[in-house]
């Protein structure tokens, strides 16, 4: 069963995530109202870097668990 989990719109720079198979995951939408005038906010950058680090950590746990199940 294929589900659309993320969508990137080139024209509005909106990113939305919606994962129906993980109800505890927060759904959110973010994007600048005027992409050409959008300046990076240091707080937004720090938060995104934190989210990337968390996802990398979760990914490494999943890979490790997957390897353990195969052995």
PDB file of N, CA and C in Angstrom:
ATOM      1  N   UNK A   1       0.843  -1.172   0.000  1.00  0.00           N
ATOM      2  CA  UNK A   1       0.000   0.000   0.000  1.00  0.00           C
ATOM      3  C   UNK A   1       0.894   1.243   0.000  1.00  0.00           C
ATOM      4  N   UNK A   2       0.892   1.988  -1.063  1.00  0.00           N
ATOM      5  CA  UNK A   2       1.717   3.191  -1.160  1.00  0.00           C
ATOM      6  C   UNK A   2       0.938   4.386  -0.635  1.00  0.00           C
ATOM      7  N   UNK A   3       1.608   5.182   0.190  1.00  0.00           N
ATOM      8  CA  UNK A   3       0.989   6.382   0.726  1.00  0.00           C
ATOM      9  C   UNK A   3       1.864   7.573   0.396  1.00  0.00           C
ATOM     10  N   UNK A   4       1.246   8.701   0.146  1.00  0.00           N
ATOM     11  CA  UNK A   4       2.001   9.931  -0.067  1.00  0.00           C
ATOM     12  C   UNK A   4       2.338  10.484   1.306  1.00  0.00           C
ATOM     13  N   UNK A   5       3.626  10.504   1.647  1.00  0.00           N
ATOM     14  CA  UNK A   5       4.032  10.940   2.975  1.00  0.00           C
ATOM     15  C   UNK A   5       4.596  12.352   2.991  1.00  0.00           C
ATOM     16  N   UNK A   6       5.085  12.831   1.885  1.00  0.00           N
ATOM     17  CA  UNK A   6       5.585  14.196   1.852  1.00  0.00           C
ATOM     18  C   UNK A   6       5.368  14.782   0.470  1.00  0.00           C
ATOM     19  N   UNK A   7       5.280  16.085   0.437  1.00  0.00           N
ATOM     20  CA  UNK A   7       5.049  16.764  -0.833  1.00  0.00           C
ATOM     21  C   UNK A   7       5.826  18.075  -0.817  1.00  0.00           C
ATOM     22  N   UNK A   8       6.535  18.356  -1.878  1.00  0.00           N
ATOM     23  CA  UNK A   8       7.251  19.619  -2.001  1.00  0.00           C
ATOM     24  C   UNK A   8       6.691  20.361  -3.200  1.00  0.00           C
ATOM     25  N   UNK A   9       6.238  21.567  -2.963  1.00  0.00           N
ATOM     26  CA  UNK A   9       5.698  22.391  -4.038  1.00  0.00           C
ATOM     27  C   UNK A   9       6.770  23.388  -4.472  1.00  0.00           C
ATOM     28  N   UNK A  10       7.169  23.329  -5.736  1.00  0.00           N
ATOM     29  CA  UNK A  10       8.226  24.207  -6.230  1.00  0.00           C
ATOM     30  C   UNK A  10       7.799  25.672  -6.223  1.00  0.00           C
ATOM     31  N   UNK A  11       6.533  25.928  -6.456  1.00  0.00           N
ATOM     32  CA  UNK A  11       6.096  27.299  -6.638  1.00  0.00           C
ATOM     33  C   UNK A  11       5.886  28.044  -5.328  1.00  0.00           C
ATOM     34  N   UNK A  12       5.394  27.379  -4.308  1.00  0.00           N
ATOM     35  CA  UNK A  12       5.110  28.083  -3.063  1.00  0.00           C
ATOM     36  C   UNK A  12       6.151  27.815  -1.987  1.00  0.00           C
ATOM     37  N   UNK A  13       7.089  26.923  -2.243  1.00  0.00           N
ATOM     38  CA  UNK A  13       8.106  26.531  -1.270  1.00  0.00           C
ATOM     39  C   UNK A  13       7.490  25.959  -0.001  1.00  0.00           C
ATOM     40  N   UNK A  14       6.314  25.386  -0.117  1.00  0.00           N
ATOM     41  CA  UNK A  14       5.679  24.751   1.032  1.00  0.00           C
ATOM     42  C   UNK A  14       6.119  23.306   1.121  1.00  0.00           C
ATOM     43  N   UNK A  15       6.340  22.850   2.331  1.00  0.00           N
ATOM     44  CA  UNK A  15       6.665  21.453   2.572  1.00  0.00           C
ATOM     45  C   UNK A  15       5.645  20.942   3.576  1.00  0.00           C
ATOM     46  N   UNK A  16       4.985  19.849   3.264  1.00  0.00           N
ATOM     47  CA  UNK A  16       4.039  19.282   4.216  1.00  0.00           C
ATOM     48  C   UNK A  16       4.337  17.809   4.391  1.00  0.00           C
ATOM     49  N   UNK A  17       4.233  17.349   5.615  1.00  0.00           N
ATOM     50  CA  UNK A  17       4.449  15.953   5.937  1.00  0.00           C
ATOM     51  C   UNK A  17       3.181  15.415   6.575  1.00  0.00           C
ATOM     52  N   UNK A  18       2.746  14.278   6.128  1.00  0.00           N
ATOM     53  CA  UNK A  18       1.550  13.665   6.694  1.00  0.00           C
ATOM     54  C   UNK A  18       1.740  12.168   6.608  1.00  0.00           C
ATOM     55  N   UNK A  19       1.968  11.543   7.738  1.00  0.00           N
ATOM     56  CA  UNK A  19       2.213  10.105   7.765  1.00  0.00           C
ATOM     57  C   UNK A  19       1.027   9.429   8.440  1.00  0.00           C
ATOM     58  N   UNK A  20       0.138   8.869   7.636  1.00  0.00           N
ATOM     59  CA  UNK A  20      -1.066   8.224   8.164  1.00  0.00           C
ATOM     60  C   UNK A  20      -0.734   6.970   8.967  1.00  0.00           C
ATOM     61  N   UNK A  21       0.386   6.314   8.649  1.00  0.00           N
ATOM     62  CA  UNK A  21       0.714   5.067   9.331  1.00  0.00           C
ATOM     63  C   UNK A  21       1.369   5.301  10.684  1.00  0.00           C
ATOM     64  N   UNK A  22       1.710   6.539  11.016  1.00  0.00           N
ATOM     65  CA  UNK A  22       2.310   6.854  12.312  1.00  0.00           C
ATOM     66  C   UNK A  22       1.508   7.978  12.958  1.00  0.00           C
ATOM     67  N   UNK A  23       0.392   7.643  13.624  1.00  0.00           N
ATOM     68  CA  UNK A  23      -0.502   8.679  14.148  1.00  0.00           C
ATOM     69  C   UNK A  23       0.126   9.547  15.236  1.00  0.00           C
ATOM     70  N   UNK A  24       1.185   9.059  15.907  1.00  0.00           N
ATOM     71  CA  UNK A  24       1.815   9.860  16.951  1.00  0.00           C
ATOM     72  C   UNK A  24       2.778  10.890  16.378  1.00  0.00           C
ATOM     73  N   UNK A  25       3.055  10.802  15.077  1.00  0.00           N
ATOM     74  CA  UNK A  25       3.935  11.766  14.436  1.00  0.00           C
ATOM     75  C   UNK A  25       3.142  13.029  14.141  1.00  0.00           C
ATOM     76  N   UNK A  26       3.715  14.169  14.477  1.00  0.00           N
ATOM     77  CA  UNK A  26       3.020  15.434  14.244  1.00  0.00           C
ATOM     78  C   UNK A  26       3.042  15.780  12.765  1.00  0.00           C
ATOM     79  N   UNK A  27       1.915  16.203  12.278  1.00  0.00           N
ATOM     80  CA  UNK A  27       1.812  16.681  10.903  1.00  0.00           C
ATOM     81  C   UNK A  27       2.006  18.188  10.927  1.00  0.00           C
ATOM     82  N   UNK A  28       2.780  18.707  10.000  1.00  0.00           N
ATOM     83  CA  UNK A  28       3.001  20.137   9.972  1.00  0.00           C
ATOM     84  C   UNK A  28       3.191  20.621   8.554  1.00  0.00           C
ATOM     85  N   UNK A  29       3.032  21.910   8.377  1.00  0.00           N
ATOM     86  CA  UNK A  29       3.257  22.550   7.079  1.00  0.00           C
ATOM     87  C   UNK A  29       4.064  23.815   7.351  1.00  0.00           C
ATOM     88  N   UNK A  30       5.090  24.015   6.565  1.00  0.00           N
ATOM     89  CA  UNK A  30       5.903  25.216   6.733  1.00  0.00           C
ATOM     90  C   UNK A  30       6.289  25.743   5.366  1.00  0.00           C
ATOM     91  N   UNK A  31       6.472  27.018   5.272  1.00  0.00           N
ATOM     92  CA  UNK A  31       6.905  27.599   4.011  1.00  0.00           C
ATOM     93  C   UNK A  31       6.791  29.106   4.050  1.00  0.00           C
ATOM     94  N   UNK A  32       7.691  29.783   3.378  1.00  0.00           N
ATOM     95  CA  UNK A  32       7.620  31.248   3.350  1.00  0.00           C
ATOM     96  C   UNK A  32       6.471  31.728   2.477  1.00  0.00           C
ATOM     97  N   UNK A  33       5.884  32.843   2.845  1.00  0.00           N
ATOM     98  CA  UNK A  33       4.793  33.377   2.032  1.00  0.00           C
ATOM     99  C   UNK A  33       5.340  33.956   0.725  1.00  0.00           C
ATOM    100  N   UNK A  34       6.520  34.508   0.749  1.00  0.00           N
ATOM    101  CA  UNK A  34       7.171  35.076  -0.431  1.00  0.00           C
ATOM    102  C   UNK A  34       8.568  34.461  -0.527  1.00  0.00           C
ATOM    103  N   UNK A  35       8.744  33.387  -1.295  1.00  0.00           N
ATOM    104  CA  UNK A  35      10.029  32.688  -1.336  1.00  0.00           C
ATOM    105  C   UNK A  35      11.205  33.569  -1.733  1.00  0.00           C
ATOM    106  N   UNK A  36      10.996  34.556  -2.583  1.00  0.00           N
ATOM    107  CA  UNK A  36      12.116  35.386  -3.033  1.00  0.00           C
ATOM    108  C   UNK A  36      12.595  36.332  -1.947  1.00  0.00           C
ATOM    109  N   UNK A  37      11.748  36.647  -0.969  1.00  0.00           N
ATOM    110  CA  UNK A  37      12.121  37.579   0.090  1.00  0.00           C
ATOM    111  C   UNK A  37      12.442  36.871   1.396  1.00  0.00           C
ATOM    112  N   UNK A  38      12.381  35.564   1.416  1.00  0.00           N
ATOM    113  CA  UNK A  38      12.579  34.820   2.660  1.00  0.00           C
ATOM    114  C   UNK A  38      14.045  34.835   3.071  1.00  0.00           C
ATOM    115  N   UNK A  39      14.305  35.293   4.279  1.00  0.00           N
ATOM    116  CA  UNK A  39      15.650  35.268   4.841  1.00  0.00           C
ATOM    117  C   UNK A  39      15.701  34.173   5.902  1.00  0.00           C
ATOM    118  N   UNK A  40      16.784  33.390   5.943  1.00  0.00           N
ATOM    119  CA  UNK A  40      16.862  32.326   6.945  1.00  0.00           C
ATOM    120  C   UNK A  40      16.871  32.905   8.357  1.00  0.00           C
ATOM    121  N   UNK A  41      16.081  32.308   9.200  1.00  0.00           N
ATOM    122  CA  UNK A  41      16.015  32.691  10.601  1.00  0.00           C
ATOM    123  C   UNK A  41      16.953  31.767  11.374  1.00  0.00           C
ATOM    124  N   UNK A  42      17.913  32.304  12.153  1.00  0.00           N
ATOM    125  CA  UNK A  42      18.859  31.446  12.881  1.00  0.00           C
ATOM    126  C   UNK A  42      18.165  30.438  13.796  1.00  0.00           C
ATOM    127  N   UNK A  43      17.046  30.823  14.394  1.00  0.00           N
ATOM    128  CA  UNK A  43      16.320  29.895  15.260  1.00  0.00           C
ATOM    129  C   UNK A  43      15.718  28.753  14.442  1.00  0.00           C
ATOM    130  N   UNK A  44      15.172  29.058  13.273  1.00  0.00           N
ATOM    131  CA  UNK A  44      14.637  28.013  12.396  1.00  0.00           C
ATOM    132  C   UNK A  44      15.745  27.079  11.934  1.00  0.00           C
ATOM    133  N   UNK A  45      16.898  27.641  11.593  1.00  0.00           N
ATOM    134  CA  UNK A  45      18.029  26.828  11.153  1.00  0.00           C
ATOM    135  C   UNK A  45      18.473  25.895  12.270  1.00  0.00           C
ATOM    136  N   UNK A  46      18.584  26.429  13.491  1.00  0.00           N
ATOM    137  CA  UNK A  46      18.995  25.603  14.634  1.00  0.00           C
ATOM    138  C   UNK A  46      17.986  24.490  14.878  1.00  0.00           C
ATOM    139  N   UNK A  47      16.689  24.801  14.781  1.00  0.00           N
ATOM    140  CA  UNK A  47      15.664  23.790  14.996  1.00  0.00           C
ATOM    141  C   UNK A  47      15.725  22.710  13.923  1.00  0.00           C
ATOM    142  N   UNK A  48      15.923  23.110  12.663  1.00  0.00           N
ATOM    143  CA  UNK A  48      16.029  22.130  11.583  1.00  0.00           C
ATOM    144  C   UNK A  48      17.275  21.261  11.743  1.00  0.00           C
ATOM    145  N   UNK A  49      18.387  21.855  12.187  1.00  0.00           N
ATOM    146  CA  UNK A  49      19.596  21.069  12.432  1.00  0.00           C
ATOM    147  C   UNK A  49      19.360  20.063  13.555  1.00  0.00           C
ATOM    148  N   UNK A  50      18.614  20.483  14.584  1.00  0.00           N
ATOM    149  CA  UNK A  50      18.266  19.577  15.680  1.00  0.00           C
ATOM    150  C   UNK A  50      17.410  18.425  15.156  1.00  0.00           C
ATOM    151  N   UNK A  51      16.415  18.735  14.321  1.00  0.00           N
ATOM    152  CA  UNK A  51      15.558  17.691  13.765  1.00  0.00           C
ATOM    153  C   UNK A  51      16.358  16.720  12.903  1.00  0.00           C
ATOM    154  N   UNK A  52      17.292  17.234  12.126  1.00  0.00           N
ATOM    155  CA  UNK A  52      18.136  16.368  11.294  1.00  0.00           C
ATOM    156  C   UNK A  52      18.955  15.438  12.172  1.00  0.00           C
ATOM    157  N   UNK A  53      19.530  15.967  13.247  1.00  0.00           N
ATOM    158  CA  UNK A  53      20.322  15.138  14.162  1.00  0.00           C
ATOM    159  C   UNK A  53      19.455  14.053  14.796  1.00  0.00           C
ATOM    160  N   UNK A  54      18.238  14.415  15.203  1.00  0.00           N
ATOM    161  CA  UNK A  54      17.324  13.427  15.790  1.00  0.00           C
ATOM    162  C   UNK A  54      16.971  12.337  14.780  1.00  0.00           C
ATOM    163  N   UNK A  55      16.696  12.721  13.547  1.00  0.00           N
ATOM    164  CA  UNK A  55      16.356  11.735  12.517  1.00  0.00           C
ATOM    165  C   UNK A  55      17.534  10.822  12.205  1.00  0.00           C
ATOM    166  N   UNK A  56      18.740  11.376  12.179  1.00  0.00           N
ATOM    167  CA  UNK A  56      19.928  10.546  11.950  1.00  0.00           C
ATOM    168  C   UNK A  56      20.098   9.541  13.083  1.00  0.00           C
ATOM    169  N   UNK A  57      19.856   9.981  14.317  1.00  0.00           N
ATOM    170  CA  UNK A  57      19.960   9.089  15.467  1.00  0.00           C
ATOM    171  C   UNK A  57      18.916   7.981  15.380  1.00  0.00           C
ATOM    172  N   UNK A  58      17.673   8.337  15.082  1.00  0.00           N
ATOM    173  CA  UNK A  58      16.617   7.337  14.935  1.00  0.00           C
ATOM    174  C   UNK A  58      16.947   6.375  13.805  1.00  0.00           C
ATOM    175  N   UNK A  59      17.470   6.900  12.712  1.00  0.00           N
ATOM    176  CA  UNK A  59      17.827   6.061  11.570  1.00  0.00           C
ATOM    177  C   UNK A  59      18.904   5.057  11.963  1.00  0.00           C
ATOM    178  N   UNK A  60      19.910   5.504  12.714  1.00  0.00           N
ATOM    179  CA  UNK A  60      20.978   4.583  13.114  1.00  0.00           C
ATOM    180  C   UNK A  60      20.434   3.493  14.036  1.00  0.00           C
ATOM    181  N   UNK A  61      19.475   3.838  14.909  1.00  0.00           N
ATOM    182  CA  UNK A  61      18.862   2.823  15.774  1.00  0.00           C
ATOM    183  C   UNK A  61      18.081   1.807  14.945  1.00  0.00           C
ATOM    184  N   UNK A  62      17.354   2.281  13.943  1.00  0.00           N
ATOM    185  CA  UNK A  62      16.575   1.379  13.092  1.00  0.00           C
ATOM    186  C   UNK A  62      17.498   0.455  12.310  1.00  0.00           C
ATOM    187  N   UNK A  63      18.572   1.002  11.756  1.00  0.00           N
ATOM    188  CA  UNK A  63      19.533   0.182  11.010  1.00  0.00           C
ATOM    189  C   UNK A  63      20.160  -0.858  11.925  1.00  0.00           C
ATOM    190  N   UNK A  64      20.547  -0.440  13.133  1.00  0.00           N
ATOM    191  CA  UNK A  64      21.159  -1.370  14.085  1.00  0.00           C
ATOM    192  C   UNK A  64      20.176  -2.483  14.454  1.00  0.00           C
ATOM    193  N   UNK A  65      18.923  -2.120  14.726  1.00  0.00           N
ATOM    194  CA  UNK A  65      17.911  -3.119  15.079  1.00  0.00           C
ATOM    195  C   UNK A  65      17.658  -4.061  13.905  1.00  0.00           C
ATOM    196  N   UNK A  66      17.620  -3.515  12.705  1.00  0.00           N
ATOM    197  CA  UNK A  66      17.426  -4.332  11.513  1.00  0.00           C
ATOM    198  C   UNK A  66      18.569  -5.337  11.364  1.00  0.00           C
ATOM    199  N   UNK A  67      19.788  -4.882  11.583  1.00  0.00           N
ATOM    200  CA  UNK A  67      20.939  -5.784  11.506  1.00  0.00           C
ATOM    201  C   UNK A  67      20.875  -6.858  12.587  1.00  0.00           C
ATOM    202  N   UNK A  68      20.399  -6.491  13.780  1.00  0.00           N
ATOM    203  CA  UNK A  68      20.265  -7.469  14.865  1.00  0.00           C
ATOM    204  C   UNK A  68      19.221  -8.527  14.522  1.00  0.00           C
ATOM    205  N   UNK A  69      18.136  -8.117  13.874  1.00  0.00           N
ATOM    206  CA  UNK A  69      17.083  -9.065  13.513  1.00  0.00           C
ATOM    207  C   UNK A  69      17.553 -10.031  12.434  1.00  0.00           C
ATOM    208  N   UNK A  70      18.431  -9.569  11.558  1.00  0.00           N
ATOM    209  CA  UNK A  70      18.938 -10.427  10.487  1.00  0.00           C
ATOM    210  C   UNK A  70      19.933 -11.457  10.999  1.00  0.00           C
ATOM    211  N   UNK A  71      20.634 -11.141  12.108  1.00  0.00           N
ATOM    212  CA  UNK A  71      21.642 -12.088  12.605  1.00  0.00           C
ATOM    213  C   UNK A  71      21.028 -13.227  13.383  1.00  0.00           C
TER     214      UNK A  71
END
